[in-house]
PDB file of N, CA and C in Angstrom:
ATOM      1  N   MET A   1     -42.775  64.450 -97.355  1.00  0.00           N
ATOM      2  CA  MET A   1     -43.571  63.592 -98.080  1.00  0.00           C
ATOM      3  C   MET A   1     -45.429  64.149 -98.023  1.00  0.00           C
ATOM      4  N   GLU A   2     -45.638  63.629 -99.068  1.00  0.00           N
ATOM      5  CA  GLU A   2     -47.101  63.762 -98.988  1.00  0.00           C
ATOM      6  C   GLU A   2     -47.684  62.976 -98.068  1.00  0.00           C
ATOM      7  N   LEU A   3     -48.988  63.361 -97.879  1.00  0.00           N
ATOM      8  CA  LEU A   3     -49.757  62.727 -97.073  1.00  0.00           C
ATOM      9  C   LEU A   3     -49.943  61.231 -97.259  1.00  0.00           C
ATOM     10  N   GLY A   4     -50.300  60.833 -98.595  1.00  0.00           N
ATOM     11  CA  GLY A   4     -50.431  59.428 -99.083  1.00  0.00           C
ATOM     12  C   GLY A   4     -49.010  58.570 -98.651  1.00  0.00           C
ATOM     13  N   GLU A   5     -47.983  59.248 -99.229  1.00  0.00           N
ATOM     14  CA  GLU A   5     -46.564  58.604 -99.236  1.00  0.00           C
ATOM     15  C   GLU A   5     -46.274  58.251 -97.830  1.00  0.00           C
ATOM     16  N   GLN A   6     -46.520  59.319 -96.788  1.00  0.00           N
ATOM     17  CA  GLN A   6     -46.617  59.198 -95.281  1.00  0.00           C
ATOM     18  C   GLN A   6     -47.218  57.875 -94.968  1.00  0.00           C
ATOM     19  N   SER A   7     -48.477  57.840 -95.337  1.00  0.00           N
ATOM     20  CA  SER A   7     -49.041  56.681 -94.598  1.00  0.00           C
ATOM     21  C   SER A   7     -48.859  55.456 -94.984  1.00  0.00           C
ATOM     22  N   ARG A   8     -48.479  55.418 -96.708  1.00  0.00           N
ATOM     23  CA  ARG A   8     -47.687  54.014 -96.986  1.00  0.00           C
ATOM     24  C   ARG A   8     -46.576  53.763 -96.437  1.00  0.00           C
ATOM     25  N   PHE A   9     -45.714  54.506 -96.300  1.00  0.00           N
ATOM     26  CA  PHE A   9     -44.662  54.455 -95.585  1.00  0.00           C
ATOM     27  C   PHE A   9     -44.767  53.602 -93.706  1.00  0.00           C
ATOM     28  N   LEU A  10     -45.974  54.685 -93.501  1.00  0.00           N
ATOM     29  CA  LEU A  10     -46.078  54.062 -91.977  1.00  0.00           C
ATOM     30  C   LEU A  10     -47.023  52.891 -92.114  1.00  0.00           C
ATOM     31  N   ARG A  11     -47.421  52.348 -93.106  1.00  0.00           N
ATOM     32  CA  ARG A  11     -48.139  51.099 -93.101  1.00  0.00           C
ATOM     33  C   ARG A  11     -47.284  49.744 -93.621  1.00  0.00           C
ATOM     34  N   HIS A  12     -46.192  50.141 -94.292  1.00  0.00           N
ATOM     35  CA  HIS A  12     -45.298  48.835 -94.693  1.00  0.00           C
ATOM     36  C   HIS A  12     -44.123  49.093 -94.082  1.00  0.00           C
ATOM     37  N   LEU A  13     -43.420  50.085 -93.453  1.00  0.00           N
ATOM     38  CA  LEU A  13     -42.186  50.151 -92.877  1.00  0.00           C
ATOM     39  C   LEU A  13     -42.015  50.514 -91.496  1.00  0.00           C
ATOM     40  N   ARG A  14     -43.140  50.672 -90.927  1.00  0.00           N
ATOM     41  CA  ARG A  14     -43.006  51.224 -89.561  1.00  0.00           C
ATOM     42  C   ARG A  14     -42.269  50.102 -88.401  1.00  0.00           C
ATOM     43  N   ILE A  15     -42.577  48.926 -88.801  1.00  0.00           N
ATOM     44  CA  ILE A  15     -41.866  47.790 -87.805  1.00  0.00           C
ATOM     45  C   ILE A  15     -40.585  47.921 -88.034  1.00  0.00           C
ATOM     46  N   PHE A  16     -40.021  48.228 -89.275  1.00  0.00           N
ATOM     47  CA  PHE A  16     -38.694  48.212 -89.548  1.00  0.00           C
ATOM     48  C   PHE A  16     -37.964  49.569 -88.973  1.00  0.00           C
ATOM     49  N   TRP A  17     -38.817  50.838 -89.128  1.00  0.00           N
ATOM     50  CA  TRP A  17     -38.434  52.155 -88.594  1.00  0.00           C
ATOM     51  C   TRP A  17     -38.045  51.877 -87.143  1.00  0.00           C
ATOM     52  N   ASP A  18     -39.294  51.368 -86.491  1.00  0.00           N
ATOM     53  CA  ASP A  18     -39.255  51.169 -84.925  1.00  0.00           C
ATOM     54  C   ASP A  18     -37.789  50.276 -84.564  1.00  0.00           C
ATOM     55  N   VAL A  19     -37.587  49.319 -85.125  1.00  0.00           N
ATOM     56  CA  VAL A  19     -36.430  48.550 -84.990  1.00  0.00           C
ATOM     57  C   VAL A  19     -34.957  49.408 -84.896  1.00  0.00           C
ATOM     58  N   HIS A  20     -34.798  50.180 -85.893  1.00  0.00           N
ATOM     59  CA  HIS A  20     -33.716  50.964 -86.032  1.00  0.00           C
ATOM     60  C   HIS A  20     -33.835  52.754 -85.241  1.00  0.00           C
ATOM     61  N   ARG A  21     -34.909  52.904 -85.204  1.00  0.00           N
ATOM     62  CA  ARG A  21     -35.211  53.965 -84.333  1.00  0.00           C
ATOM     63  C   ARG A  21     -34.895  54.307 -82.896  1.00  0.00           C
ATOM     64  N   TYR A  22     -35.232  53.062 -82.229  1.00  0.00           N
ATOM     65  CA  TYR A  22     -35.129  52.880 -80.782  1.00  0.00           C
ATOM     66  C   TYR A  22     -34.266  51.515 -80.619  1.00  0.00           C
ATOM     67  N   ARG A  23     -33.755  51.675 -79.539  1.00  0.00           N
ATOM     68  CA  ARG A  23     -32.765  50.366 -78.941  1.00  0.00           C
ATOM     69  C   ARG A  23     -33.974  49.197 -79.001  1.00  0.00           C
ATOM     70  N   ILE A  24     -34.897  49.401 -78.470  1.00  0.00           N
ATOM     71  CA  ILE A  24     -35.945  48.289 -78.511  1.00  0.00           C
ATOM     72  C   ILE A  24     -37.326  48.663 -78.976  1.00  0.00           C
ATOM     73  N   ALA A  25     -38.012  48.780 -80.092  1.00  0.00           N
ATOM     74  CA  ALA A  25     -39.218  48.948 -80.432  1.00  0.00           C
ATOM     75  C   ALA A  25     -40.016  49.153 -79.083  1.00  0.00           C
ATOM     76  N   PRO A  26     -40.982  50.330 -78.912  1.00  0.00           N
ATOM     77  CA  PRO A  26     -41.812  50.363 -77.832  1.00  0.00           C
ATOM     78  C   PRO A  26     -42.663  49.250 -77.367  1.00  0.00           C
ATOM     79  N   GLN A  27     -43.215  48.897 -78.485  1.00  0.00           N
ATOM     80  CA  GLN A  27     -44.427  47.878 -78.636  1.00  0.00           C
ATOM     81  C   GLN A  27     -43.760  46.533 -77.617  1.00  0.00           C
ATOM     82  N   LEU A  28     -42.730  46.143 -78.481  1.00  0.00           N
ATOM     83  CA  LEU A  28     -42.132  44.847 -77.753  1.00  0.00           C
ATOM     84  C   LEU A  28     -41.606  45.174 -76.799  1.00  0.00           C
ATOM     85  N   GLU A  29     -40.979  46.335 -76.041  1.00  0.00           N
ATOM     86  CA  GLU A  29     -40.731  46.526 -74.681  1.00  0.00           C
ATOM     87  C   GLU A  29     -41.866  46.735 -73.598  1.00  0.00           C
ATOM     88  N   ALA A  30     -43.064  46.728 -74.290  1.00  0.00           N
ATOM     89  CA  ALA A  30     -44.135  46.984 -73.172  1.00  0.00           C
ATOM     90  C   ALA A  30     -44.829  45.561 -73.449  1.00  0.00           C
ATOM     91  N   ILE A  31     -44.302  44.707 -74.324  1.00  0.00           N
ATOM     92  CA  ILE A  31     -45.008  43.008 -74.276  1.00  0.00           C
ATOM     93  C   ILE A  31     -43.981  42.526 -73.216  1.00  0.00           C
ATOM     94  N   ILE A  32     -42.745  42.711 -73.247  1.00  0.00           N
ATOM     95  CA  ILE A  32     -41.864  42.124 -72.127  1.00  0.00           C
ATOM     96  C   ILE A  32     -41.865  42.734 -71.014  1.00  0.00           C
ATOM     97  N   ASN A  33     -42.114  43.834 -70.637  1.00  0.00           N
ATOM     98  CA  ASN A  33     -42.563  44.319 -69.318  1.00  0.00           C
ATOM     99  C   ASN A  33     -43.393  43.687 -68.752  1.00  0.00           C
ATOM    100  N   ARG A  34     -44.378  43.458 -69.493  1.00  0.00           N
ATOM    101  CA  ARG A  34     -45.899  43.185 -68.963  1.00  0.00           C
ATOM    102  C   ARG A  34     -45.733  41.245 -68.638  1.00  0.00           C
ATOM    103  N   LYS A  35     -44.829  40.859 -69.570  1.00  0.00           N
ATOM    104  CA  LYS A  35     -44.675  39.458 -69.214  1.00  0.00           C
ATOM    105  C   LYS A  35     -43.611  39.135 -68.025  1.00  0.00           C
ATOM    106  N   ARG A  36     -42.983  40.127 -67.769  1.00  0.00           N
ATOM    107  CA  ARG A  36     -42.039  39.649 -66.723  1.00  0.00           C
ATOM    108  C   ARG A  36     -42.744  40.086 -65.614  1.00  0.00           C
ATOM    109  N   GLN A  37     -43.490  41.542 -65.410  1.00  0.00           N
ATOM    110  CA  GLN A  37     -44.150  41.635 -64.192  1.00  0.00           C
ATOM    111  C   GLN A  37     -45.247  40.832 -63.973  1.00  0.00           C
ATOM    112  N   ASN A  38     -46.124  39.721 -64.830  1.00  0.00           N
ATOM    113  CA  ASN A  38     -46.820  38.650 -64.185  1.00  0.00           C
ATOM    114  C   ASN A  38     -46.280  37.346 -64.221  1.00  0.00           C
ATOM    115  N   GLY A  39     -44.964  37.329 -64.485  1.00  0.00           N
ATOM    116  CA  GLY A  39     -44.209  36.102 -63.992  1.00  0.00           C
ATOM    117  C   GLY A  39     -43.927  35.283 -65.207  1.00  0.00           C
ATOM    118  N   SER A  40     -44.350  35.256 -66.324  1.00  0.00           N
ATOM    119  CA  SER A  40     -44.344  34.522 -67.582  1.00  0.00           C
ATOM    120  C   SER A  40     -43.243  34.810 -68.273  1.00  0.00           C
ATOM    121  N   LEU A  41     -42.364  35.664 -68.069  1.00  0.00           N
ATOM    122  CA  LEU A  41     -40.999  35.727 -68.613  1.00  0.00           C
ATOM    123  C   LEU A  41     -39.697  35.778 -67.599  1.00  0.00           C
ATOM    124  N   THR A  42     -38.907  34.947 -67.647  1.00  0.00           N
ATOM    125  CA  THR A  42     -37.934  35.299 -66.829  1.00  0.00           C
ATOM    126  C   THR A  42     -36.561  35.354 -67.498  1.00  0.00           C
ATOM    127  N   VAL A  43     -35.729  36.499 -67.089  1.00  0.00           N
ATOM    128  CA  VAL A  43     -34.559  36.564 -68.005  1.00  0.00           C
ATOM    129  C   VAL A  43     -33.317  36.341 -67.054  1.00  0.00           C
ATOM    130  N   LEU A  44     -32.517  35.315 -67.809  1.00  0.00           N
ATOM    131  CA  LEU A  44     -31.160  34.901 -67.004  1.00  0.00           C
ATOM    132  C   LEU A  44     -30.077  34.640 -68.048  1.00  0.00           C
ATOM    133  N   ALA A  45     -28.810  35.108 -67.476  1.00  0.00           N
ATOM    134  CA  ALA A  45     -27.642  35.071 -68.101  1.00  0.00           C
ATOM    135  C   ALA A  45     -27.155  33.709 -68.298  1.00  0.00           C
ATOM    136  N   ALA A  46     -27.033  33.112 -69.682  1.00  0.00           N
ATOM    137  CA  ALA A  46     -26.858  31.714 -70.306  1.00  0.00           C
ATOM    138  C   ALA A  46     -26.278  31.570 -71.467  1.00  0.00           C
ATOM    139  N   GLU A  47     -25.260  30.417 -71.735  1.00  0.00           N
ATOM    140  CA  GLU A  47     -24.942  30.257 -72.907  1.00  0.00           C
ATOM    141  C   GLU A  47     -25.551  29.482 -73.372  1.00  0.00           C
ATOM    142  N   LEU A  48     -25.972  29.781 -74.992  1.00  0.00           N
ATOM    143  CA  LEU A  48     -26.817  28.734 -75.866  1.00  0.00           C
ATOM    144  C   LEU A  48     -26.016  27.316 -76.053  1.00  0.00           C
ATOM    145  N   ARG A  49     -26.522  26.610 -75.698  1.00  0.00           N
ATOM    146  CA  ARG A  49     -25.724  24.881 -76.123  1.00  0.00           C
ATOM    147  C   ARG A  49     -26.353  24.061 -77.118  1.00  0.00           C
ATOM    148  N   GLY A  50     -27.419  24.199 -77.377  1.00  0.00           N
ATOM    149  CA  GLY A  50     -28.083  23.664 -78.464  1.00  0.00           C
ATOM    150  C   GLY A  50     -29.435  23.887 -79.046  1.00  0.00           C
ATOM    151  N   VAL A  51     -29.769  23.820 -80.086  1.00  0.00           N
ATOM    152  CA  VAL A  51     -31.485  23.831 -80.650  1.00  0.00           C
ATOM    153  C   VAL A  51     -32.055  22.905 -81.134  1.00  0.00           C
ATOM    154  N   GLU A  52     -33.208  22.421 -80.673  1.00  0.00           N
ATOM    155  CA  GLU A  52     -33.977  21.120 -81.546  1.00  0.00           C
ATOM    156  C   GLU A  52     -35.179  21.898 -81.679  1.00  0.00           C
ATOM    157  N   ALA A  53     -35.837  21.666 -83.056  1.00  0.00           N
ATOM    158  CA  ALA A  53     -37.143  22.226 -83.429  1.00  0.00           C
ATOM    159  C   ALA A  53     -37.862  21.398 -84.093  1.00  0.00           C
ATOM    160  N   ASN A  54     -39.229  21.624 -83.928  1.00  0.00           N
ATOM    161  CA  ASN A  54     -40.380  20.396 -84.579  1.00  0.00           C
ATOM    162  C   ASN A  54     -41.323  21.354 -85.119  1.00  0.00           C
ATOM    163  N   ALA A  55     -42.154  20.917 -85.719  1.00  0.00           N
ATOM    164  CA  ALA A  55     -43.400  21.995 -86.145  1.00  0.00           C
ATOM    165  C   ALA A  55     -44.246  22.805 -85.237  1.00  0.00           C
ATOM    166  N   ASP A  56     -44.061  22.013 -83.998  1.00  0.00           N
ATOM    167  CA  ASP A  56     -44.723  22.947 -82.633  1.00  0.00           C
ATOM    168  C   ASP A  56     -43.889  23.843 -81.811  1.00  0.00           C
ATOM    169  N   ASN A  57     -42.712  23.382 -81.590  1.00  0.00           N
ATOM    170  CA  ASN A  57     -41.723  24.032 -81.011  1.00  0.00           C
ATOM    171  C   ASN A  57     -40.587  24.109 -81.154  1.00  0.00           C
ATOM    172  N   ILE A  58     -39.803  25.123 -80.276  1.00  0.00           N
ATOM    173  CA  ILE A  58     -38.221  24.947 -80.368  1.00  0.00           C
ATOM    174  C   ILE A  58     -37.654  25.048 -78.946  1.00  0.00           C
ATOM    175  N   CYS A  59     -37.167  23.948 -78.663  1.00  0.00           N
ATOM    176  CA  CYS A  59     -36.227  23.658 -77.304  1.00  0.00           C
ATOM    177  C   CYS A  59     -34.699  23.943 -77.565  1.00  0.00           C
ATOM    178  N   LEU A  60     -34.529  25.008 -76.532  1.00  0.00           N
ATOM    179  CA  LEU A  60     -33.177  25.239 -76.034  1.00  0.00           C
ATOM    180  C   LEU A  60     -32.569  25.056 -75.333  1.00  0.00           C
ATOM    181  N   THR A  61     -31.188  24.496 -75.434  1.00  0.00           N
ATOM    182  CA  THR A  61     -30.603  24.152 -74.208  1.00  0.00           C
ATOM    183  C   THR A  61     -29.260  25.073 -73.726  1.00  0.00           C
ATOM    184  N   LEU A  62     -29.522  25.449 -72.458  1.00  0.00           N
ATOM    185  CA  LEU A  62     -28.918  26.517 -72.175  1.00  0.00           C
ATOM    186  C   LEU A  62     -27.962  25.983 -71.033  1.00  0.00           C
ATOM    187  N   GLN A  63     -26.836  26.936 -70.729  1.00  0.00           N
ATOM    188  CA  GLN A  63     -26.001  26.442 -69.670  1.00  0.00           C
ATOM    189  C   GLN A  63     -25.832  27.709 -68.956  1.00  0.00           C
ATOM    190  N   PRO A  64     -26.498  27.663 -67.656  1.00  0.00           N
ATOM    191  CA  PRO A  64     -26.532  29.258 -66.799  1.00  0.00           C
ATOM    192  C   PRO A  64     -25.239  29.766 -66.849  1.00  0.00           C
ATOM    193  N   ARG A  65     -24.956  31.024 -66.572  1.00  0.00           N
ATOM    194  CA  ARG A  65     -23.555  31.532 -65.965  1.00  0.00           C
ATOM    195  C   ARG A  65     -23.082  30.731 -64.699  1.00  0.00           C
ATOM    196  N   HIS A  66     -22.324  30.709 -64.278  1.00  0.00           N
ATOM    197  CA  HIS A  66     -21.443  30.348 -63.277  1.00  0.00           C
ATOM    198  C   HIS A  66     -22.004  29.173 -62.656  1.00  0.00           C
ATOM    199  N   GLY A  67     -22.781  28.371 -63.493  1.00  0.00           N
ATOM    200  CA  GLY A  67     -23.405  27.422 -62.832  1.00  0.00           C
ATOM    201  C   GLY A  67     -24.528  27.288 -61.907  1.00  0.00           C
ATOM    202  N   LEU A  68     -25.232  28.512 -61.947  1.00  0.00           N
ATOM    203  CA  LEU A  68     -26.531  28.934 -61.365  1.00  0.00           C
ATOM    204  C   LEU A  68     -27.580  28.443 -62.097  1.00  0.00           C
ATOM    205  N   CYS A  69     -28.559  28.063 -61.467  1.00  0.00           N
ATOM    206  CA  CYS A  69     -30.047  27.712 -62.380  1.00  0.00           C
ATOM    207  C   CYS A  69     -30.838  28.784 -61.776  1.00  0.00           C
ATOM    208  N   GLY A  70     -31.614  29.590 -62.620  1.00  0.00           N
ATOM    209  CA  GLY A  70     -32.648  30.220 -62.318  1.00  0.00           C
ATOM    210  C   GLY A  70     -33.753  29.802 -62.587  1.00  0.00           C
TER     211      GLY A  70
END
């Protein structure tokens, strides 16, 4: 590709390219790791039981695996 086409590709399609090129986009992985390290994100194994949404929030109802709460 010519330089102009490369720039246009990166500007418009980079997010899609990253999603398909990596198992997880490096930018997203960095955010997730940072939030896990500072304690603002906890990952738990659970089954999704319900979803409620309003203008400001999404509320998920989860059933933790093996009855364990985290």
